[in-house]
Amino acid sequence: MLERIAAAHPHAMDPGLERLRAVAQRLGMLDVDVPLAIVAGTNGKGSTVACLEAIWRAAGRRTGAFLSPHLIRFNERIRINGEDADDATIINALEHIELQIAPDSLTYFEAATLAAMVCFRQAGCDAIVLEVGLGGRLDASNLWDADGAILTSVALDHADWLGTDLGVIATEKAAVARRGGALVVGERHPPDTLEPWAREAGVRLLSIDPVLARLDSPSHLAGEHHRRNAACAVTLAHELHDKVPVSESAIAAGLATARIAGRMQLLRVGAIDVVVDVAHNPAAAEALALALGQSQAEVGPEEGFHLVFAALADKDIAGIARALLPIARSVACADLEGDRALSSDALLALIKAEVDAVTDGPPVILDAHASVEAAWQVAAARAQHDQCRVLVIGSHVTVGAWLAQRQAERQAQRQAQRQAQRQAKSASSKAG
């Protein structure tokens, strides 16, 4: 069904809300009668959504959260009360939408966003958090009027669609806020365009500094950048207290349980410690490298990471490489599936140019591999030999491929264990 939806519209991305508004109106989905928050920004959206969702759940709300993209399964995009929506719920929502699409058509993301809202209504969610997909003003998530909005960060990404003017990018993303409402700003140094835009738009800008000054890092979201994301969520929770009452204990409980896969996620595979992160632009890579450098200093004398790196062709590979090379002992470049993927050979060439430009740094081993799994096997062997860690990075697709393989291995192990138990039970029965 997802393939049919993806093929229904002639363009993968088609900014604008007119078609989506027409379909939503036919479905009776234009009005939202529960508190709704929207999260925009270049980086940090997913973890911010996870934090606000967890806070509102701890306050007793039945939450709906929409995130994108997914890592392994589409279901990750639609969370109901902290759990991924099941297949039947999503299929029912998509079929419901299909009945009312004609004469219009929707992109994959538009259909996913609308399906999420259908799921939330049918599940009786009484508080909703939406993550913006791209930009803000013309994004499908901006169809509904949010009670409060967050702008986590402003940096360069998706230049083909958003351009390279940070001032314009900031106001495009900020446009998810509504007149008379508040926009929480997590960016340390927002562009100068933001304040005059807010005055003209009638939007109040809220700083996270008062919350940040007294906020501990969420236990499952390490790094200063995630601390700022958590502060964004807490600030908006305070702002929307009249609509969703939250206590300080609910905030603490929510942040203690907030988690999202693929964001500085720490895992153990055999004897190897692994960090997986979806960072796919220079700003995200810089924040991650800083956090990992601090973490490394706390862990012990081991230095550096062996990287598994695969990326999409429209990304600033040179900028990402410059951020990551100071913590890299090797980089195993990998091929990805899909039309947007950058080949491992092209990736290696771009990274090698950055390595060659650094004359005083330690040597970094570079090689190319046919898949994320092949790159992982090489990086894992290196990490085991050197007694250091592996970092899997470059895109949601990279991290998703790696996590999917580990998930398949765990399922195979459980199946083998169950088979062994059945055989042992059968042998015992026969012996008796």
Protein backbone atom coordinates (compact mmCIF):
# COMPACT_ATOMS: atom_id res chain seq x y z
CA MET A 1 0.00 0.00 0.00
CA LEU A 2 2.85 2.40 0.78
CA GLU A 3 4.27 1.82 -2.70
CA ARG A 4 0.90 2.70 -4.22
CA ILE A 5 0.75 5.90 -2.20
CA ALA A 6 4.31 6.83 -3.14
CA ALA A 7 3.45 6.44 -6.83
CA ALA A 8 0.14 8.32 -6.65
CA HIS A 9 1.60 11.82 -7.17
CA PRO A 10 3.90 12.76 -10.07
CA HIS A 11 6.45 14.46 -7.80
CA ALA A 12 8.12 13.15 -4.64
CA MET A 13 8.05 16.67 -3.19
CA ASP A 14 5.50 19.29 -4.20
CA PRO A 15 5.45 22.17 -1.68
CA GLY A 16 2.10 23.81 -1.04
CA LEU A 17 -0.97 23.13 1.07
CA GLU A 18 -3.83 23.53 -1.42
CA ARG A 19 -4.20 19.87 -2.42
CA LEU A 20 -3.79 18.61 1.13
CA ARG A 21 -6.30 21.17 2.42
CA ALA A 22 -8.87 20.06 -0.15
CA VAL A 23 -8.52 16.38 0.82
CA ALA A 24 -8.53 17.16 4.55
CA GLN A 25 -11.67 19.24 4.12
CA ARG A 26 -13.47 16.39 2.37
CA LEU A 27 -12.44 14.12 5.24
CA GLY A 28 -13.58 16.59 7.89
CA MET A 29 -10.00 16.76 9.17
CA LEU A 30 -9.31 20.49 9.00
CA ASP A 31 -10.34 21.25 12.57
CA VAL A 32 -8.33 19.98 15.54
CA ASP A 33 -10.03 20.28 18.91
CA VAL A 34 -7.12 19.11 21.09
CA PRO A 35 -3.86 20.90 22.00
CA LEU A 36 -1.37 20.73 19.13
CA ALA A 37 2.32 21.62 19.05
CA ILE A 38 4.57 21.76 15.99
CA VAL A 39 8.35 21.42 15.87
CA ALA A 40 10.45 22.91 13.06
CA GLY A 41 14.20 23.35 12.66
CA THR A 42 17.21 22.09 10.76
CA ASN A 43 18.34 19.66 13.45
CA GLY A 44 16.94 18.34 16.72
CA LYS A 45 13.29 18.04 15.74
CA GLY A 46 12.91 14.34 16.49
CA SER A 47 14.40 14.43 19.97
CA THR A 48 12.42 17.58 20.79
CA VAL A 49 9.18 15.87 19.76
CA ALA A 50 10.15 12.86 21.87
CA CYS A 51 10.73 15.08 24.91
CA LEU A 52 7.45 17.01 24.63
CA GLU A 53 5.53 13.81 23.91
CA ALA A 54 7.02 12.16 27.02
CA ILE A 55 6.29 15.20 29.20
CA TRP A 56 2.65 15.31 28.14
CA ARG A 57 2.31 11.57 28.63
CA ALA A 58 3.73 11.91 32.14
CA ALA A 59 1.11 14.61 32.72
CA GLY A 60 -1.61 12.07 31.93
CA ARG A 61 -2.36 12.91 28.31
CA ARG A 62 -2.98 10.36 25.55
CA THR A 63 -0.53 11.66 22.98
CA GLY A 64 -0.17 11.47 19.24
CA ALA A 65 3.27 12.18 17.77
CA PHE A 66 4.22 12.39 14.10
CA LEU A 67 7.90 12.06 13.16
CA SER A 68 9.81 11.65 9.90
CA PRO A 69 11.50 9.96 8.29
CA HIS A 70 11.43 6.48 9.77
CA LEU A 71 14.49 4.29 10.30
CA ILE A 72 13.21 0.74 9.78
CA ARG A 73 9.39 0.70 9.54
CA PHE A 74 6.87 3.30 8.43
CA ASN A 75 5.02 2.71 11.71
CA GLU A 76 7.72 4.70 13.54
CA ARG A 77 6.30 7.87 12.00
CA ILE A 78 2.98 7.59 13.85
CA ARG A 79 3.16 7.14 17.61
CA ILE A 80 0.08 6.78 19.77
CA ASN A 81 0.62 7.17 23.49
CA GLY A 82 4.33 6.45 23.09
CA GLU A 83 3.96 3.35 20.90
CA ASP A 84 4.27 2.91 17.15
CA ALA A 85 0.88 2.58 15.50
CA ASP A 86 0.14 -0.97 14.34
CA ASP A 87 -0.30 -2.01 10.71
CA ALA A 88 -4.07 -2.29 10.89
CA THR A 89 -4.48 1.22 12.31
CA ILE A 90 -2.27 2.77 9.62
CA ILE A 91 -3.82 0.82 6.75
CA ASN A 92 -7.30 1.78 7.93
CA ALA A 93 -6.29 5.45 7.98
CA LEU A 94 -4.70 5.33 4.53
CA GLU A 95 -7.71 3.54 3.05
CA HIS A 96 -9.96 6.15 4.63
CA ILE A 97 -7.91 8.89 2.94
CA GLU A 98 -7.87 7.14 -0.45
CA LEU A 99 -11.68 7.25 -0.58
CA GLN A 100 -11.59 11.06 -0.54
CA ILE A 101 -8.44 11.93 -2.50
CA ALA A 102 -9.93 12.27 -6.00
CA PRO A 103 -9.78 14.52 -7.91
CA ASP A 104 -6.58 15.54 -6.12
CA SER A 105 -3.43 13.54 -5.39
CA LEU A 106 -1.03 13.65 -2.47
CA THR A 107 2.69 13.11 -2.10
CA TYR A 108 3.93 10.28 0.12
CA PHE A 109 4.71 12.72 2.95
CA GLU A 110 1.38 14.51 2.65
CA ALA A 111 -0.50 11.22 2.80
CA ALA A 112 1.59 10.12 5.79
CA THR A 113 0.92 13.37 7.65
CA LEU A 114 -2.80 13.22 7.03
CA ALA A 115 -2.88 9.52 7.96
CA ALA A 116 -1.20 10.38 11.26
CA MET A 117 -3.91 12.91 12.06
CA VAL A 118 -6.62 10.39 11.16
CA CYS A 119 -4.97 7.83 13.46
CA PHE A 120 -4.74 10.34 16.31
CA ARG A 121 -8.43 11.23 16.04
CA GLN A 122 -9.53 7.61 15.85
CA ALA A 123 -7.32 6.68 18.82
CA GLY A 124 -8.76 9.47 20.97
CA CYS A 125 -5.47 11.32 21.41
CA ASP A 126 -5.92 14.45 23.49
CA ALA A 127 -2.57 16.14 22.76
CA ILE A 128 -0.63 16.11 19.48
CA VAL A 129 2.98 16.90 18.52
CA LEU A 130 3.93 17.21 14.84
CA GLU A 131 7.44 17.23 13.38
CA VAL A 132 7.91 19.36 10.27
CA GLY A 133 9.28 17.45 7.30
CA LEU A 134 10.96 20.20 5.26
CA GLY A 135 11.02 23.93 5.85
CA GLY A 136 7.83 24.95 7.58
CA ARG A 137 5.54 27.40 5.82
CA LEU A 138 4.63 25.03 2.99
CA ASP A 139 5.12 21.76 4.86
CA ALA A 140 2.14 19.42 5.20
CA SER A 141 2.33 19.58 9.00
CA ASN A 142 1.59 23.31 8.82
CA LEU A 143 -1.95 22.71 7.56
CA TRP A 144 -3.27 22.78 11.12
CA ASP A 145 -3.08 25.76 13.47
CA ALA A 146 -0.67 24.91 16.26
CA ASP A 147 -1.25 26.18 19.78
CA GLY A 148 2.51 26.57 20.15
CA ALA A 149 5.59 26.08 17.99
CA ILE A 150 9.29 25.35 18.35
CA LEU A 151 12.20 26.33 16.12
CA THR A 152 15.02 24.09 17.33
CA SER A 153 17.89 25.31 15.14
CA VAL A 154 18.72 27.08 11.91
CA ALA A 155 21.49 25.76 9.64
CA LEU A 156 22.08 24.83 6.02
CA ASP A 157 20.44 21.68 4.68
CA HIS A 158 18.19 20.82 1.73
CA ALA A 159 19.70 23.78 -0.14
CA ASP A 160 18.00 22.73 -3.38
CA TRP A 161 14.64 23.47 -1.76
CA LEU A 162 15.39 25.99 0.99
CA GLY A 163 18.30 27.92 -0.48
CA THR A 164 21.40 29.11 1.38
CA ASP A 165 20.17 32.34 2.98
CA LEU A 166 19.89 31.57 6.70
CA GLY A 167 17.68 34.60 7.24
CA VAL A 168 15.13 33.35 4.74
CA ILE A 169 15.43 29.78 6.01
CA ALA A 170 14.70 30.95 9.57
CA THR A 171 11.51 32.79 8.66
CA GLU A 172 10.31 29.95 6.42
CA LYS A 173 10.68 27.55 9.33
CA ALA A 174 9.25 30.01 11.86
CA ALA A 175 6.07 30.34 9.79
CA VAL A 176 4.64 27.28 11.58
CA ALA A 177 3.83 29.66 14.46
CA ARG A 178 0.50 31.47 14.46
CA ARG A 179 -0.44 35.10 15.11
CA GLY A 180 -0.97 35.60 18.81
CA GLY A 181 0.96 32.44 19.61
CA ALA A 182 4.47 31.67 20.81
CA LEU A 183 7.55 30.37 19.04
CA VAL A 184 10.22 28.78 21.24
CA VAL A 185 13.66 29.42 19.72
CA GLY A 186 16.41 26.92 20.52
CA GLU A 187 19.02 28.33 18.13
CA ARG A 188 21.90 29.97 20.01
CA HIS A 189 22.35 32.75 17.46
CA PRO A 190 19.19 33.07 15.37
CA PRO A 191 19.42 35.16 12.20
CA ASP A 192 18.60 38.86 12.51
CA THR A 193 15.54 38.37 10.33
CA LEU A 194 13.67 36.47 13.01
CA GLU A 195 12.75 39.32 15.38
CA PRO A 196 11.33 41.68 12.73
CA TRP A 197 9.47 38.77 11.15
CA ALA A 198 7.96 37.90 14.54
CA ARG A 199 6.81 41.48 15.14
CA GLU A 200 5.16 41.60 11.72
CA ALA A 201 3.59 38.15 12.18
CA GLY A 202 2.36 38.87 15.70
CA VAL A 203 4.34 35.96 17.16
CA ARG A 204 6.02 36.01 20.58
CA LEU A 205 9.58 34.66 20.59
CA LEU A 206 10.48 32.66 23.70
CA SER A 207 14.08 32.00 24.76
CA ILE A 208 15.07 28.67 26.29
CA ASP A 209 17.76 30.29 28.48
CA PRO A 210 15.72 30.41 31.72
CA VAL A 211 14.94 26.67 31.44
CA LEU A 212 18.40 25.75 30.19
CA ALA A 213 20.07 27.34 33.21
CA ARG A 214 18.50 24.82 35.57
CA LEU A 215 17.95 21.78 33.33
CA ASP A 216 19.87 18.53 33.71
CA SER A 217 20.58 16.51 30.58
CA PRO A 218 17.89 13.94 29.75
CA SER A 219 19.26 10.57 30.77
CA HIS A 220 18.64 8.91 27.40
CA LEU A 221 19.57 11.87 25.18
CA ALA A 222 23.23 12.68 25.77
CA GLY A 223 25.02 15.81 24.59
CA GLU A 224 24.59 19.55 24.96
CA HIS A 225 22.56 19.72 21.74
CA HIS A 226 20.00 17.32 23.20
CA ARG A 227 19.96 19.33 26.41
CA ARG A 228 18.94 22.33 24.31
CA ASN A 229 16.28 20.27 22.55
CA ALA A 230 14.90 19.20 25.91
CA ALA A 231 14.86 22.84 27.02
CA CYS A 232 12.78 23.69 23.93
CA ALA A 233 10.22 21.05 24.90
CA VAL A 234 10.09 22.17 28.53
CA THR A 235 9.72 25.83 27.56
CA LEU A 236 6.76 25.06 25.30
CA ALA A 237 5.23 22.79 27.96
CA HIS A 238 5.33 25.74 30.34
CA GLU A 239 3.86 28.05 27.70
CA LEU A 240 0.95 25.68 27.01
CA HIS A 241 0.31 24.91 30.69
CA ASP A 242 -3.22 26.33 30.50
CA LYS A 243 -4.10 23.84 27.75
CA VAL A 244 -2.05 20.90 29.07
CA PRO A 245 -1.32 21.34 32.78
CA VAL A 246 2.11 19.92 33.64
CA SER A 247 3.85 19.73 37.00
CA GLU A 248 7.58 19.89 37.54
CA SER A 249 7.45 16.23 38.54
CA ALA A 250 5.76 15.36 35.23
CA ILE A 251 8.45 17.27 33.35
CA ALA A 252 11.20 15.42 35.22
CA ALA A 253 9.49 12.06 34.69
CA GLY A 254 8.96 12.77 31.00
CA LEU A 255 12.55 13.76 30.34
CA ALA A 256 13.79 10.72 32.24
CA THR A 257 11.92 8.42 29.86
CA ALA A 258 12.19 10.37 26.59
CA ARG A 259 14.06 8.46 23.94
CA ILE A 260 14.29 8.23 20.18
CA ALA A 261 16.29 5.81 18.08
CA GLY A 262 19.24 6.96 16.02
CA ARG A 263 20.08 10.10 17.98
CA MET A 264 23.41 9.54 19.72
CA GLN A 265 22.05 6.10 20.53
CA LEU A 266 24.49 3.93 22.47
CA LEU A 267 24.42 0.20 21.80
CA ARG A 268 26.52 -2.86 22.58
CA VAL A 269 27.12 -5.43 19.84
CA GLY A 270 29.12 -8.34 21.19
CA ALA A 271 32.20 -6.77 22.75
CA ILE A 272 31.91 -3.52 20.77
CA ASP A 273 30.36 -0.24 21.90
CA VAL A 274 28.52 1.47 19.04
CA VAL A 275 27.08 4.96 18.63
CA VAL A 276 24.48 5.46 15.91
CA ASP A 277 23.35 8.91 14.83
CA VAL A 278 21.39 10.23 11.86
CA ALA A 279 23.45 13.45 11.61
CA HIS A 280 23.48 14.40 7.92
CA ASN A 281 24.65 18.00 7.75
CA PRO A 282 27.70 19.85 9.12
CA ALA A 283 25.86 21.49 12.04
CA ALA A 284 24.55 18.15 13.28
CA ALA A 285 27.94 16.48 12.80
CA GLU A 286 29.68 19.27 14.73
CA ALA A 287 27.26 18.95 17.65
CA LEU A 288 27.70 15.19 17.68
CA ALA A 289 31.51 15.35 17.48
CA LEU A 290 31.56 17.78 20.39
CA ALA A 291 29.32 15.56 22.49
CA LEU A 292 31.31 12.43 21.63
CA GLY A 293 34.58 14.16 22.41
CA GLN A 294 33.28 15.01 25.86
CA SER A 295 31.93 11.50 26.32
CA GLN A 296 35.23 9.98 25.20
CA ALA A 297 37.09 12.02 27.81
CA GLU A 298 34.75 10.71 30.48
CA VAL A 299 35.01 7.07 29.37
CA GLY A 300 38.74 6.51 29.45
CA PRO A 301 41.96 6.57 27.47
CA GLU A 302 40.61 5.12 24.22
CA GLU A 303 40.76 7.68 21.45
CA GLY A 304 38.68 8.04 18.35
CA PHE A 305 36.04 6.05 16.52
CA HIS A 306 35.96 3.77 13.54
CA LEU A 307 33.23 5.20 11.33
CA VAL A 308 30.62 3.53 9.15
CA PHE A 309 29.58 6.38 6.88
CA ALA A 310 27.04 6.50 4.05
CA ALA A 311 25.18 9.56 2.82
CA LEU A 312 22.83 11.03 0.24
CA ALA A 313 24.19 12.88 -2.76
CA ASP A 314 22.63 16.26 -1.93
CA LYS A 315 24.47 16.62 1.38
CA ASP A 316 27.52 18.72 2.26
CA ILE A 317 29.92 15.80 2.60
CA ALA A 318 33.00 17.99 2.93
CA GLY A 319 31.43 19.91 5.82
CA ILE A 320 30.34 16.73 7.57
CA ALA A 321 33.80 15.20 7.08
CA ARG A 322 35.54 18.26 8.55
CA ALA A 323 33.41 17.92 11.67
CA LEU A 324 33.96 14.18 12.10
CA LEU A 325 37.59 13.65 11.08
CA PRO A 326 39.01 14.90 14.42
CA ILE A 327 37.36 11.92 16.15
CA ALA A 328 37.87 9.38 13.33
CA ARG A 329 40.52 6.67 13.23
CA SER A 330 39.06 5.19 10.06
CA VAL A 331 36.10 5.74 7.76
CA ALA A 332 34.44 2.76 6.07
CA CYS A 333 32.37 4.37 3.31
CA ALA A 334 29.28 2.44 2.22
CA ASP A 335 26.91 2.31 -0.72
CA LEU A 336 23.23 2.97 -0.03
CA GLU A 337 20.16 1.92 -1.96
CA GLY A 338 18.00 4.54 -3.64
CA ASP A 339 18.21 7.21 -6.32
CA ARG A 340 19.45 9.89 -3.92
CA ALA A 341 22.35 7.83 -2.58
CA LEU A 342 25.98 8.82 -3.04
CA SER A 343 28.25 5.96 -4.10
CA SER A 344 30.87 4.80 -1.65
CA ASP A 345 33.64 5.64 -4.13
CA ALA A 346 32.39 9.20 -4.55
CA LEU A 347 32.00 9.52 -0.79
CA LEU A 348 35.55 8.27 -0.24
CA ALA A 349 36.95 10.77 -2.75
CA LEU A 350 35.25 13.69 -1.02
CA ILE A 351 36.45 12.62 2.42
CA LYS A 352 39.98 11.95 1.13
CA ALA A 353 40.17 15.53 -0.13
CA GLU A 354 39.41 16.75 3.40
CA VAL A 355 41.95 14.34 4.93
CA ASP A 356 44.62 15.49 2.48
CA ALA A 357 43.93 19.12 3.40
CA VAL A 358 44.86 18.45 7.02
CA THR A 359 48.64 18.30 7.32
CA ASP A 360 49.04 17.95 11.08
CA GLY A 361 46.33 15.43 11.94
CA PRO A 362 46.71 11.72 12.68
CA PRO A 363 46.42 9.29 9.74
CA VAL A 364 42.89 8.18 8.91
CA ILE A 365 42.20 4.91 7.10
CA LEU A 366 39.68 5.27 4.27
CA ASP A 367 38.02 2.54 2.22
CA ALA A 368 34.84 1.89 0.25
CA HIS A 369 32.34 -0.96 0.64
CA ALA A 370 29.33 -2.27 -1.24
CA SER A 371 26.89 -1.97 1.67
CA VAL A 372 26.44 -0.63 5.18
CA GLU A 373 26.76 -4.17 6.50
CA ALA A 374 30.07 -4.75 4.70
CA ALA A 375 31.41 -1.46 6.07
CA TRP A 376 30.22 -2.45 9.56
CA GLN A 377 32.08 -5.74 9.49
CA VAL A 378 35.33 -3.93 8.68
CA ALA A 379 34.78 -1.16 11.26
CA ALA A 380 33.80 -3.70 13.92
CA ALA A 381 36.98 -5.71 13.37
CA ARG A 382 39.05 -2.55 13.65
CA ALA A 383 37.27 -1.45 16.81
CA GLN A 384 37.74 -4.84 18.44
CA HIS A 385 41.44 -4.80 17.59
CA ASP A 386 41.94 -1.24 18.84
CA GLN A 387 39.54 -1.54 21.78
CA CYS A 388 37.63 1.56 20.77
CA ARG A 389 34.13 2.34 19.51
CA VAL A 390 32.26 2.42 16.21
CA LEU A 391 30.19 5.37 14.98
CA VAL A 392 27.47 4.67 12.40
CA ILE A 393 26.45 7.95 10.77
CA GLY A 394 25.47 9.87 7.64
CA SER A 395 21.70 9.66 7.18
CA HIS A 396 18.49 8.09 8.42
CA VAL A 397 18.93 5.51 5.65
CA THR A 398 22.40 4.58 6.91
CA VAL A 399 21.31 4.17 10.51
CA GLY A 400 18.11 2.40 9.47
CA ALA A 401 20.02 -0.16 7.40
CA TRP A 402 22.41 -0.87 10.27
CA LEU A 403 19.66 -1.13 12.90
CA ALA A 404 17.55 -3.36 10.65
CA GLN A 405 20.42 -5.82 10.28
CA ARG A 406 21.01 -5.94 14.03
CA GLN A 407 17.28 -6.45 14.57
CA ALA A 408 17.26 -9.33 12.08
CA GLU A 409 20.22 -10.92 13.89
CA ARG A 410 18.44 -10.69 17.25
CA GLN A 411 15.31 -12.25 15.78
CA ALA A 412 17.36 -15.08 14.26
CA GLN A 413 19.06 -15.69 17.61
CA ARG A 414 15.72 -15.83 19.42
CA GLN A 415 14.34 -18.20 16.81
CA ALA A 416 17.39 -20.45 17.14
CA GLN A 417 17.02 -20.45 20.92
CA ARG A 418 13.35 -21.38 20.70
CA GLN A 419 14.19 -24.17 18.24
CA ALA A 420 16.92 -25.47 20.56
CA GLN A 421 14.50 -25.42 23.50
CA ARG A 422 11.88 -27.34 21.51
CA GLN A 423 14.46 -29.92 20.46
CA ALA A 424 15.70 -30.30 24.03
CA LYS A 425 12.15 -30.70 25.29
CA SER A 426 11.40 -33.26 22.60
CA ALA A 427 14.58 -35.23 23.40
CA SER A 428 13.74 -35.15 27.11
CA SER A 429 10.23 -36.38 26.41
CA LYS A 430 11.50 -39.28 24.31
CA ALA A 431 14.08 -40.23 26.95
CA GLY A 432 11.39 -40.27 29.61
